[in-house]
């Protein structure tokens, strides 16, 4: 870690969803190492392994009523305020529309969009009195591109991108910046319920990008850290693509 970033988030309080593994875990640890006090929220009890001074794990189902309020209240109770929210939690299903059930569809939207909306709403309430804050949503190149079997996921990430833009316009008058990362293929466990070896599948799928590899979670965490920091003070309502060139149109 670069020395000039070590105290970048000193005295900042951060809430990260989906923090038990992958991008969320990388974000929680990176911001904590750079001085932040962190609440790491996840349904998976493995999030408790992150516990250390200044980093509080919270086992919770982010889709349930009251979960967002509890998460924000936990940050305030332990650390006195909330400065940064990272809406990272996400799930995927690989089914064609004709094979998908209503429950399949609703489950993806509940995690990827509705929970992000609820956490953002509560975070903004907490940030308004301080006249400052940052929200970073983890979107995807699937917000703009699609292929067969990812209709539910692509729709959810498209909705998250638009939530980012609309909320950014509402929140900036209170000094709160809202942005998103358009993530590409990252070697995580998100596909473990879909394919036999999720990380390996993502690593191989990443070879199809212009950069010819998938990202590591820490590479996306760096983009999150930038957008959450004062270094990005003029960036409002943007979806910053970090997808190895996947979203760049190919030449004729």
Protein backbone atom coordinates (compact mmCIF):
# COMPACT_ATOMS: atom_id res chain seq x y z
CA UNK A 1 0.00 0.00 0.00
CA UNK A 2 1.32 3.38 -0.99
CA UNK A 3 2.37 5.39 2.07
CA UNK A 4 0.48 8.48 0.93
CA UNK A 5 -2.81 6.53 1.09
CA UNK A 6 -2.32 5.03 4.54
CA UNK A 7 -4.34 7.69 6.37
CA UNK A 8 -6.58 8.71 3.50
CA UNK A 9 -9.77 7.60 5.26
CA UNK A 10 -8.75 8.55 8.79
CA UNK A 11 -11.83 9.38 10.88
CA UNK A 12 -14.15 8.21 8.08
CA UNK A 13 -16.87 5.66 8.84
CA UNK A 14 -17.77 3.17 6.12
CA UNK A 15 -20.57 0.64 5.61
CA UNK A 16 -19.89 -2.13 3.07
CA UNK A 17 -22.53 -4.67 2.02
CA UNK A 18 -21.63 -8.12 0.74
CA UNK A 19 -18.39 -7.95 2.68
CA UNK A 20 -17.76 -11.61 3.49
CA UNK A 21 -15.79 -12.27 0.30
CA UNK A 22 -14.78 -10.94 -3.09
CA UNK A 23 -14.99 -7.24 -3.87
CA UNK A 24 -16.79 -6.37 -0.64
CA UNK A 25 -14.15 -8.02 1.52
CA UNK A 26 -11.38 -6.31 -0.45
CA UNK A 27 -13.08 -2.92 -0.05
CA UNK A 28 -13.67 -3.36 3.68
CA UNK A 29 -10.06 -4.36 4.32
CA UNK A 30 -8.55 -1.74 2.02
CA UNK A 31 -10.46 1.18 3.52
CA UNK A 32 -9.81 -0.08 7.03
CA UNK A 33 -6.08 -0.31 6.28
CA UNK A 34 -6.26 3.29 5.07
CA UNK A 35 -7.68 4.53 8.34
CA UNK A 36 -11.45 4.03 8.06
CA UNK A 37 -13.67 2.51 10.69
CA UNK A 38 -15.83 -0.06 8.94
CA UNK A 39 -19.08 -1.95 9.36
CA UNK A 40 -18.90 -5.04 7.15
CA UNK A 41 -22.37 -6.46 6.44
CA UNK A 42 -23.16 -9.83 4.92
CA UNK A 43 -25.67 -12.66 5.22
CA UNK A 44 -22.77 -15.12 5.30
CA UNK A 45 -21.45 -15.66 8.85
CA UNK A 46 -17.94 -15.81 7.37
CA UNK A 47 -18.01 -12.00 7.57
CA UNK A 48 -17.30 -12.39 11.28
CA UNK A 49 -13.74 -13.40 10.40
CA UNK A 50 -13.10 -9.75 9.51
CA UNK A 51 -13.57 -8.61 13.12
CA UNK A 52 -10.72 -6.46 14.43
CA UNK A 53 -10.35 -3.09 16.14
CA UNK A 54 -12.20 -0.54 14.04
CA UNK A 55 -13.93 -3.17 11.86
CA UNK A 56 -17.31 -4.45 13.02
CA UNK A 57 -18.90 -7.42 11.20
CA UNK A 58 -22.68 -7.48 10.93
CA UNK A 59 -24.46 -10.70 9.92
CA UNK A 60 -27.70 -9.65 8.24
CA UNK A 61 -29.93 -10.36 5.26
CA UNK A 62 -29.87 -7.05 3.41
CA UNK A 63 -33.20 -7.78 1.69
CA UNK A 64 -35.20 -7.87 4.92
CA UNK A 65 -37.21 -4.93 6.20
CA UNK A 66 -35.20 -3.05 8.78
CA UNK A 67 -31.81 -4.40 7.68
CA UNK A 68 -30.65 -1.11 6.19
CA UNK A 69 -31.76 0.84 9.25
CA UNK A 70 -29.94 -1.60 11.52
CA UNK A 71 -26.74 -1.41 9.46
CA UNK A 72 -26.65 2.39 9.51
CA UNK A 73 -27.58 2.43 13.19
CA UNK A 74 -24.72 0.02 13.91
CA UNK A 75 -22.24 2.39 12.25
CA UNK A 76 -23.55 5.33 14.25
CA UNK A 77 -23.71 3.40 17.53
CA UNK A 78 -20.13 2.14 17.26
CA UNK A 79 -18.44 5.05 15.46
CA UNK A 80 -20.74 8.06 15.80
CA UNK A 81 -21.50 8.75 12.16
CA UNK A 82 -21.59 7.39 8.60
CA UNK A 83 -19.49 8.92 5.83
CA UNK A 84 -19.32 6.29 3.09
CA UNK A 85 -21.65 3.54 1.86
CA UNK A 86 -20.49 0.88 -0.57
CA UNK A 87 -23.43 -1.07 -2.01
CA UNK A 88 -21.50 -4.11 -3.14
CA UNK A 89 -23.77 -7.10 -2.41
CA UNK A 90 -24.92 -8.84 -5.58
CA UNK A 91 -26.10 -12.20 -6.88
CA UNK A 92 -26.67 -13.65 -10.32
CA UNK A 93 -28.77 -16.30 -11.99
CA UNK A 94 -28.11 -17.79 -15.40
CA UNK A 95 -31.50 -18.62 -16.88
CA UNK A 96 -33.27 -17.70 -20.06
CA UNK A 97 -36.36 -15.55 -19.56
CA UNK A 98 -38.70 -18.38 -20.65
CA UNK A 99 -37.22 -20.64 -17.95
CA UNK A 100 -37.18 -18.08 -15.15
CA UNK A 101 -39.71 -18.01 -12.33
CA UNK A 102 -41.11 -14.91 -10.66
CA UNK A 103 -39.18 -15.91 -7.53
CA UNK A 104 -35.94 -16.09 -9.56
CA UNK A 105 -36.50 -12.60 -10.90
CA UNK A 106 -37.59 -11.09 -7.60
CA UNK A 107 -34.61 -12.55 -5.71
CA UNK A 108 -32.09 -10.92 -8.05
CA UNK A 109 -33.83 -7.54 -7.94
CA UNK A 110 -34.20 -7.69 -4.15
CA UNK A 111 -30.47 -8.08 -3.56
CA UNK A 112 -29.02 -6.09 -6.44
CA UNK A 113 -31.41 -3.12 -6.56
CA UNK A 114 -33.92 -2.92 -3.73
CA UNK A 115 -31.39 -3.51 -0.95
CA UNK A 116 -29.08 -0.92 -2.53
CA UNK A 117 -31.96 1.58 -2.63
CA UNK A 118 -32.85 0.91 1.01
CA UNK A 119 -29.25 1.21 2.23
CA UNK A 120 -28.70 4.35 0.15
CA UNK A 121 -31.86 5.93 1.51
CA UNK A 122 -30.83 5.30 5.11
CA UNK A 123 -27.26 6.40 4.43
CA UNK A 124 -28.38 9.70 2.92
CA UNK A 125 -30.56 10.37 5.97
CA UNK A 126 -27.49 9.83 8.17
CA UNK A 127 -25.17 11.91 5.97
CA UNK A 128 -27.38 14.97 5.43
CA UNK A 129 -26.65 16.56 8.84
CA UNK A 130 -22.91 16.34 8.11
CA UNK A 131 -23.28 17.98 4.68
CA UNK A 132 -20.83 15.45 3.27
CA UNK A 133 -20.71 11.83 2.21
CA UNK A 134 -20.10 9.36 -0.59
CA UNK A 135 -22.04 6.39 -1.91
CA UNK A 136 -20.43 3.93 -4.32
CA UNK A 137 -22.58 1.28 -5.98
CA UNK A 138 -21.06 -1.77 -7.63
CA UNK A 139 -22.71 -1.99 -11.03
CA UNK A 140 -21.44 -3.97 -14.03
CA UNK A 141 -20.77 -3.80 -17.73
CA UNK A 142 -24.05 -5.77 -17.81
CA UNK A 143 -25.77 -2.46 -17.08
CA UNK A 144 -25.15 -1.64 -20.75
CA UNK A 145 -24.50 -4.97 -22.44
CA UNK A 146 -26.29 -8.29 -22.37
CA UNK A 147 -26.09 -11.85 -23.59
CA UNK A 148 -28.43 -14.83 -23.22
CA UNK A 149 -29.25 -16.09 -19.69
CA UNK A 150 -28.44 -12.87 -17.75
CA UNK A 151 -31.69 -10.93 -18.24
CA UNK A 152 -32.44 -10.65 -14.52
CA UNK A 153 -28.88 -9.66 -13.63
CA UNK A 154 -28.54 -7.20 -16.52
CA UNK A 155 -31.88 -5.59 -15.65
CA UNK A 156 -30.83 -5.23 -12.02
CA UNK A 157 -27.50 -3.65 -12.86
CA UNK A 158 -29.11 -1.31 -15.39
CA UNK A 159 -31.53 -0.25 -12.68
CA UNK A 160 -28.65 0.26 -10.25
CA UNK A 161 -26.86 2.49 -12.75
CA UNK A 162 -29.97 4.63 -13.13
CA UNK A 163 -30.53 4.72 -9.38
CA UNK A 164 -26.97 5.99 -9.10
CA UNK A 165 -27.60 8.84 -11.53
CA UNK A 166 -30.96 9.91 -10.13
CA UNK A 167 -29.85 9.77 -6.50
CA UNK A 168 -26.67 11.66 -7.39
CA UNK A 169 -28.76 14.62 -8.56
CA UNK A 170 -30.85 14.55 -5.38
CA UNK A 171 -27.96 14.10 -2.95
CA UNK A 172 -25.36 16.52 -4.27
CA UNK A 173 -27.19 19.52 -2.81
CA UNK A 174 -26.37 17.99 0.59
CA UNK A 175 -22.70 17.51 -0.27
CA UNK A 176 -23.17 13.77 -0.88
CA UNK A 177 -21.62 12.31 -4.02
CA UNK A 178 -23.13 9.15 -5.55
CA UNK A 179 -21.25 7.14 -8.17
CA UNK A 180 -20.88 3.56 -9.34
CA UNK A 181 -18.24 1.19 -10.64
CA UNK A 182 -19.07 -0.66 -13.84
CA UNK A 183 -17.22 -3.80 -12.91
CA UNK A 184 -16.16 -6.45 -15.38
CA UNK A 185 -15.25 -10.07 -14.71
CA UNK A 186 -13.70 -10.35 -11.24
CA UNK A 187 -12.37 -13.54 -9.70
CA UNK A 188 -14.92 -13.98 -6.91
CA UNK A 189 -17.44 -16.54 -5.67
CA UNK A 190 -20.51 -14.90 -7.24
CA UNK A 191 -21.01 -17.78 -9.68
CA UNK A 192 -20.48 -20.60 -7.19
CA UNK A 193 -24.19 -21.42 -7.20
CA UNK A 194 -24.30 -21.35 -10.99
CA UNK A 195 -21.22 -23.27 -12.17
CA UNK A 196 -18.95 -25.86 -10.59
CA UNK A 197 -15.96 -23.53 -10.08
CA UNK A 198 -17.07 -19.89 -10.13
CA UNK A 199 -13.66 -18.23 -9.79
CA UNK A 200 -12.16 -20.40 -12.52
CA UNK A 201 -15.07 -19.67 -14.86
CA UNK A 202 -14.69 -15.94 -14.30
CA UNK A 203 -10.94 -16.12 -14.83
CA UNK A 204 -11.47 -17.88 -18.16
CA UNK A 205 -14.31 -15.57 -19.20
CA UNK A 206 -12.07 -12.60 -18.49
CA UNK A 207 -9.70 -13.81 -21.18
CA UNK A 208 -12.29 -12.64 -23.73
CA UNK A 209 -11.84 -9.00 -22.72
CA UNK A 210 -9.45 -6.66 -24.55
CA UNK A 211 -7.09 -6.85 -21.56
CA UNK A 212 -7.35 -10.66 -21.79
CA UNK A 213 -7.80 -11.38 -18.10
CA UNK A 214 -10.25 -11.01 -15.25
CA UNK A 215 -9.66 -8.56 -12.41
CA UNK A 216 -8.73 -9.37 -8.85
CA UNK A 217 -11.09 -7.96 -6.19
CA UNK A 218 -8.41 -5.53 -5.00
CA UNK A 219 -8.32 -3.87 -8.42
CA UNK A 220 -12.01 -2.99 -8.17
CA UNK A 221 -11.53 -1.97 -4.54
CA UNK A 222 -8.98 0.62 -5.70
CA UNK A 223 -11.60 2.21 -7.96
CA UNK A 224 -14.10 2.20 -5.09
CA UNK A 225 -11.53 3.82 -2.81
CA UNK A 226 -10.90 6.54 -5.37
CA UNK A 227 -14.59 7.31 -5.88
CA UNK A 228 -15.19 7.37 -2.12
CA UNK A 229 -12.28 9.71 -1.51
CA UNK A 230 -11.86 13.45 -1.83
CA UNK A 231 -9.65 12.74 -4.85
CA UNK A 232 -12.92 12.21 -6.75
CA UNK A 233 -14.51 15.40 -5.42
CA UNK A 234 -15.77 16.49 -8.87
CA UNK A 235 -17.21 13.12 -9.93
CA UNK A 236 -20.99 13.00 -9.49
CA UNK A 237 -23.44 10.49 -10.95
CA UNK A 238 -20.84 8.60 -12.97
CA UNK A 239 -20.58 4.91 -13.71
CA UNK A 240 -16.82 4.45 -13.93
CA UNK A 241 -16.10 1.43 -16.07
CA UNK A 242 -13.49 -0.99 -14.71
CA UNK A 243 -14.11 -3.90 -17.04
CA UNK A 244 -10.86 -4.51 -18.90
CA UNK A 245 -12.30 -2.85 -22.02
CA UNK A 246 -15.36 -5.11 -22.28
CA UNK A 247 -17.69 -2.13 -22.77
CA UNK A 248 -15.57 -0.53 -25.51
CA UNK A 249 -17.25 -1.09 -28.90
CA UNK A 250 -15.16 -3.28 -31.17
CA UNK A 251 -13.97 -1.79 -34.43
CA UNK A 252 -15.39 -2.89 -37.74
